[in-house]
Amino acid sequence: MSFLHAIIASFRRDEEGQGLAEYALILALIAIVAIIALIFLGTQVSTILSKVGSSI
């Protein structure tokens, strides 16, 4: 019975590292999407921000 508890405990410890890796992958994916969006929409965003800045 203690062998079964040891196996379950090892799975629980592995999940913490796995959760951290999943958050890192999600963060990397969001960063990649943001960079791609800025590459394609950068000039439009820059124009809009310039208009807003000059109107203020």
PDB file of N, CA and C in Angstrom:
ATOM      1  N   MET A   1       0.828  -1.195   0.000  1.00  0.00           N
ATOM      2  CA  MET A   1       0.000   0.000   0.000  1.00  0.00           C
ATOM      3  C   MET A   1       0.871   1.257   0.000  1.00  0.00           C
ATOM      4  N   SER A   2       1.982   1.240   0.725  1.00  0.00           N
ATOM      5  CA  SER A   2       2.857   2.409   0.763  1.00  0.00           C
ATOM      6  C   SER A   2       3.516   2.629  -0.597  1.00  0.00           C
ATOM      7  N   PHE A   3       3.718   1.549  -1.360  1.00  0.00           N
ATOM      8  CA  PHE A   3       4.271   1.681  -2.712  1.00  0.00           C
ATOM      9  C   PHE A   3       3.306   2.474  -3.590  1.00  0.00           C
ATOM     10  N   LEU A   4       2.025   2.213  -3.462  1.00  0.00           N
ATOM     11  CA  LEU A   4       0.998   2.933  -4.227  1.00  0.00           C
ATOM     12  C   LEU A   4       0.970   4.406  -3.838  1.00  0.00           C
ATOM     13  N   HIS A   5       1.101   4.688  -2.560  1.00  0.00           N
ATOM     14  CA  HIS A   5       1.138   6.076  -2.093  1.00  0.00           C
ATOM     15  C   HIS A   5       2.378   6.795  -2.629  1.00  0.00           C
ATOM     16  N   ALA A   6       3.498   6.079  -2.710  1.00  0.00           N
ATOM     17  CA  ALA A   6       4.723   6.683  -3.236  1.00  0.00           C
ATOM     18  C   ALA A   6       4.571   7.024  -4.717  1.00  0.00           C
ATOM     19  N   ILE A   7       3.917   6.154  -5.468  1.00  0.00           N
ATOM     20  CA  ILE A   7       3.693   6.418  -6.895  1.00  0.00           C
ATOM     21  C   ILE A   7       2.770   7.616  -7.075  1.00  0.00           C
ATOM     22  N   ILE A   8       1.708   7.682  -6.307  1.00  0.00           N
ATOM     23  CA  ILE A   8       0.775   8.811  -6.394  1.00  0.00           C
ATOM     24  C   ILE A   8       1.471  10.109  -5.999  1.00  0.00           C
ATOM     25  N   ALA A   9       2.299  10.058  -4.972  1.00  0.00           N
ATOM     26  CA  ALA A   9       3.030  11.252  -4.538  1.00  0.00           C
ATOM     27  C   ALA A   9       4.003  11.714  -5.617  1.00  0.00           C
ATOM     28  N   SER A  10       4.626  10.781  -6.335  1.00  0.00           N
ATOM     29  CA  SER A  10       5.561  11.184  -7.395  1.00  0.00           C
ATOM     30  C   SER A  10       4.804  11.846  -8.545  1.00  0.00           C
ATOM     31  N   PHE A  11       3.592  11.377  -8.845  1.00  0.00           N
ATOM     32  CA  PHE A  11       2.792  12.033  -9.885  1.00  0.00           C
ATOM     33  C   PHE A  11       2.388  13.442  -9.463  1.00  0.00           C
ATOM     34  N   ARG A  12       2.076  13.629  -8.217  1.00  0.00           N
ATOM     35  CA  ARG A  12       1.700  14.964  -7.727  1.00  0.00           C
ATOM     36  C   ARG A  12       2.869  15.934  -7.835  1.00  0.00           C
ATOM     37  N   ARG A  13       4.059  15.488  -7.517  1.00  0.00           N
ATOM     38  CA  ARG A  13       5.231  16.355  -7.616  1.00  0.00           C
ATOM     39  C   ARG A  13       5.526  16.710  -9.068  1.00  0.00           C
ATOM     40  N   ASP A  14       5.307  15.781  -9.970  1.00  0.00           N
ATOM     41  CA  ASP A  14       5.573  16.029 -11.387  1.00  0.00           C
ATOM     42  C   ASP A  14       4.600  17.037 -11.968  1.00  0.00           C
ATOM     43  N   GLU A  15       3.394  17.115 -11.430  1.00  0.00           N
ATOM     44  CA  GLU A  15       2.398  18.033 -11.962  1.00  0.00           C
ATOM     45  C   GLU A  15       2.782  19.488 -11.732  1.00  0.00           C
ATOM     46  N   GLU A  16       3.490  19.787 -10.664  1.00  0.00           N
ATOM     47  CA  GLU A  16       3.884  21.167 -10.405  1.00  0.00           C
ATOM     48  C   GLU A  16       4.818  21.665 -11.500  1.00  0.00           C
ATOM     49  N   GLY A  17       5.791  20.869 -11.866  1.00  0.00           N
ATOM     50  CA  GLY A  17       6.694  21.240 -12.940  1.00  0.00           C
ATOM     51  C   GLY A  17       5.983  21.311 -14.273  1.00  0.00           C
ATOM     52  N   GLN A  18       5.044  20.400 -14.477  1.00  0.00           N
ATOM     53  CA  GLN A  18       4.281  20.388 -15.715  1.00  0.00           C
ATOM     54  C   GLN A  18       3.409  21.630 -15.809  1.00  0.00           C
ATOM     55  N   GLY A  19       2.804  22.045 -14.724  1.00  0.00           N
ATOM     56  CA  GLY A  19       1.984  23.255 -14.731  1.00  0.00           C
ATOM     57  C   GLY A  19       2.809  24.486 -15.055  1.00  0.00           C
ATOM     58  N   LEU A  20       4.011  24.549 -14.505  1.00  0.00           N
ATOM     59  CA  LEU A  20       4.904  25.664 -14.781  1.00  0.00           C
ATOM     60  C   LEU A  20       5.299  25.684 -16.255  1.00  0.00           C
ATOM     61  N   ALA A  21       5.567  24.518 -16.804  1.00  0.00           N
ATOM     62  CA  ALA A  21       5.920  24.431 -18.228  1.00  0.00           C
ATOM     63  C   ALA A  21       4.747  24.844 -19.101  1.00  0.00           C
ATOM     64  N   GLU A  22       3.538  24.476 -18.715  1.00  0.00           N
ATOM     65  CA  GLU A  22       2.363  24.865 -19.495  1.00  0.00           C
ATOM     66  C   GLU A  22       2.168  26.378 -19.461  1.00  0.00           C
ATOM     67  N   TYR A  23       2.345  26.991 -18.311  1.00  0.00           N
ATOM     68  CA  TYR A  23       2.235  28.450 -18.232  1.00  0.00           C
ATOM     69  C   TYR A  23       3.308  29.127 -19.077  1.00  0.00           C
ATOM     70  N   ALA A  24       4.508  28.572 -19.081  1.00  0.00           N
ATOM     71  CA  ALA A  24       5.587  29.139 -19.897  1.00  0.00           C
ATOM     72  C   ALA A  24       5.269  29.025 -21.376  1.00  0.00           C
ATOM     73  N   LEU A  25       4.701  27.903 -21.797  1.00  0.00           N
ATOM     74  CA  LEU A  25       4.322  27.741 -23.194  1.00  0.00           C
ATOM     75  C   LEU A  25       3.206  28.698 -23.593  1.00  0.00           C
ATOM     76  N   ILE A  26       2.236  28.884 -22.719  1.00  0.00           N
ATOM     77  CA  ILE A  26       1.151  29.819 -23.005  1.00  0.00           C
ATOM     78  C   ILE A  26       1.696  31.241 -23.108  1.00  0.00           C
ATOM     79  N   LEU A  27       2.590  31.608 -22.200  1.00  0.00           N
ATOM     80  CA  LEU A  27       3.193  32.940 -22.238  1.00  0.00           C
ATOM     81  C   LEU A  27       4.001  33.143 -23.512  1.00  0.00           C
ATOM     82  N   ALA A  28       4.746  32.129 -23.920  1.00  0.00           N
ATOM     83  CA  ALA A  28       5.523  32.223 -25.159  1.00  0.00           C
ATOM     84  C   ALA A  28       4.603  32.362 -26.367  1.00  0.00           C
ATOM     85  N   LEU A  29       3.502  31.629 -26.382  1.00  0.00           N
ATOM     86  CA  LEU A  29       2.546  31.718 -27.486  1.00  0.00           C
ATOM     87  C   LEU A  29       1.923  33.104 -27.555  1.00  0.00           C
ATOM     88  N   ILE A  30       1.568  33.670 -26.421  1.00  0.00           N
ATOM     89  CA  ILE A  30       0.999  35.018 -26.398  1.00  0.00           C
ATOM     90  C   ILE A  30       2.021  36.033 -26.895  1.00  0.00           C
ATOM     91  N   ALA A  31       3.275  35.870 -26.486  1.00  0.00           N
ATOM     92  CA  ALA A  31       4.321  36.783 -26.938  1.00  0.00           C
ATOM     93  C   ALA A  31       4.524  36.687 -28.446  1.00  0.00           C
ATOM     94  N   ILE A  32       4.508  35.480 -28.986  1.00  0.00           N
ATOM     95  CA  ILE A  32       4.676  35.305 -30.434  1.00  0.00           C
ATOM     96  C   ILE A  32       3.524  35.938 -31.190  1.00  0.00           C
ATOM     97  N   VAL A  33       2.299  35.735 -30.710  1.00  0.00           N
ATOM     98  CA  VAL A  33       1.125  36.332 -31.365  1.00  0.00           C
ATOM     99  C   VAL A  33       1.205  37.859 -31.305  1.00  0.00           C
ATOM    100  N   ALA A  34       1.628  38.401 -30.172  1.00  0.00           N
ATOM    101  CA  ALA A  34       1.747  39.859 -30.041  1.00  0.00           C
ATOM    102  C   ALA A  34       2.805  40.411 -30.989  1.00  0.00           C
ATOM    103  N   ILE A  35       3.926  39.718 -31.115  1.00  0.00           N
ATOM    104  CA  ILE A  35       4.983  40.173 -32.018  1.00  0.00           C
ATOM    105  C   ILE A  35       4.519  40.131 -33.465  1.00  0.00           C
ATOM    106  N   ILE A  36       3.846  39.054 -33.851  1.00  0.00           N
ATOM    107  CA  ILE A  36       3.337  38.948 -35.224  1.00  0.00           C
ATOM    108  C   ILE A  36       2.302  40.034 -35.495  1.00  0.00           C
ATOM    109  N   ALA A  37       1.431  40.296 -34.526  1.00  0.00           N
ATOM    110  CA  ALA A  37       0.430  41.350 -34.694  1.00  0.00           C
ATOM    111  C   ALA A  37       1.096  42.707 -34.852  1.00  0.00           C
ATOM    112  N   LEU A  38       2.137  42.970 -34.082  1.00  0.00           N
ATOM    113  CA  LEU A  38       2.844  44.249 -34.200  1.00  0.00           C
ATOM    114  C   LEU A  38       3.574  44.378 -35.530  1.00  0.00           C
ATOM    115  N   ILE A  39       4.073  43.264 -36.041  1.00  0.00           N
ATOM    116  CA  ILE A  39       4.757  43.310 -37.336  1.00  0.00           C
ATOM    117  C   ILE A  39       3.772  43.681 -38.442  1.00  0.00           C
ATOM    118  N   PHE A  40       2.601  43.042 -38.429  1.00  0.00           N
ATOM    119  CA  PHE A  40       1.632  43.285 -39.493  1.00  0.00           C
ATOM    120  C   PHE A  40       0.836  44.569 -39.301  1.00  0.00           C
ATOM    121  N   LEU A  41       0.589  44.960 -38.062  1.00  0.00           N
ATOM    122  CA  LEU A  41      -0.244  46.134 -37.795  1.00  0.00           C
ATOM    123  C   LEU A  41       0.554  47.307 -37.245  1.00  0.00           C
ATOM    124  N   GLY A  42       1.867  47.207 -37.236  1.00  0.00           N
ATOM    125  CA  GLY A  42       2.712  48.225 -36.619  1.00  0.00           C
ATOM    126  C   GLY A  42       2.533  49.602 -37.201  1.00  0.00           C
ATOM    127  N   THR A  43       2.495  49.687 -38.523  1.00  0.00           N
ATOM    128  CA  THR A  43       2.368  51.013 -39.147  1.00  0.00           C
ATOM    129  C   THR A  43       1.007  51.626 -38.865  1.00  0.00           C
ATOM    130  N   GLN A  44      -0.035  50.819 -38.861  1.00  0.00           N
ATOM    131  CA  GLN A  44      -1.376  51.331 -38.579  1.00  0.00           C
ATOM    132  C   GLN A  44      -1.482  51.810 -37.135  1.00  0.00           C
ATOM    133  N   VAL A  45      -0.927  51.026 -36.212  1.00  0.00           N
ATOM    134  CA  VAL A  45      -0.957  51.410 -34.801  1.00  0.00           C
ATOM    135  C   VAL A  45      -0.137  52.680 -34.596  1.00  0.00           C
ATOM    136  N   SER A  46       0.998  52.776 -35.251  1.00  0.00           N
ATOM    137  CA  SER A  46       1.846  53.964 -35.134  1.00  0.00           C
ATOM    138  C   SER A  46       1.116  55.199 -35.649  1.00  0.00           C
ATOM    139  N   THR A  47       0.400  55.071 -36.756  1.00  0.00           N
ATOM    140  CA  THR A  47      -0.363  56.190 -37.311  1.00  0.00           C
ATOM    141  C   THR A  47      -1.459  56.631 -36.345  1.00  0.00           C
ATOM    142  N   ILE A  48      -2.168  55.683 -35.788  1.00  0.00           N
ATOM    143  CA  ILE A  48      -3.246  56.012 -34.853  1.00  0.00           C
ATOM    144  C   ILE A  48      -2.690  56.682 -33.604  1.00  0.00           C
ATOM    145  N   LEU A  49      -1.586  56.159 -33.073  1.00  0.00           N
ATOM    146  CA  LEU A  49      -1.000  56.777 -31.881  1.00  0.00           C
ATOM    147  C   LEU A  49      -0.459  58.177 -32.181  1.00  0.00           C
ATOM    148  N   SER A  50       0.057  58.380 -33.363  1.00  0.00           N
ATOM    149  CA  SER A  50       0.530  59.721 -33.741  1.00  0.00           C
ATOM    150  C   SER A  50      -0.631  60.705 -33.815  1.00  0.00           C
ATOM    151  N   LYS A  51      -1.754  60.256 -34.368  1.00  0.00           N
ATOM    152  CA  LYS A  51      -2.942  61.127 -34.450  1.00  0.00           C
ATOM    153  C   LYS A  51      -3.459  61.476 -33.069  1.00  0.00           C
ATOM    154  N   VAL A  52      -3.487  60.470 -32.178  1.00  0.00           N
ATOM    155  CA  VAL A  52      -3.962  60.711 -30.816  1.00  0.00           C
ATOM    156  C   VAL A  52      -3.010  61.660 -30.095  1.00  0.00           C
ATOM    157  N   GLY A  53      -1.715  61.452 -30.262  1.00  0.00           N
ATOM    158  CA  GLY A  53      -0.729  62.303 -29.612  1.00  0.00           C
ATOM    159  C   GLY A  53      -0.782  63.727 -30.108  1.00  0.00           C
ATOM    160  N   SER A  54      -0.990  63.919 -31.395  1.00  0.00           N
ATOM    161  CA  SER A  54      -1.039  65.288 -31.933  1.00  0.00           C
ATOM    162  C   SER A  54      -2.340  65.994 -31.549  1.00  0.00           C
ATOM    163  N   SER A  55      -3.409  65.240 -31.366  1.00  0.00           N
ATOM    164  CA  SER A  55      -4.669  65.862 -30.971  1.00  0.00           C
ATOM    165  C   SER A  55      -4.670  66.279 -29.502  1.00  0.00           C
ATOM    166  N   ILE A  56      -3.836  65.678 -28.713  1.00  0.00           N
ATOM    167  CA  ILE A  56      -3.740  66.032 -27.296  1.00  0.00           C
ATOM    168  C   ILE A  56      -2.860  67.243 -27.205  1.00  0.00           C
TER     169      ILE A  56
END
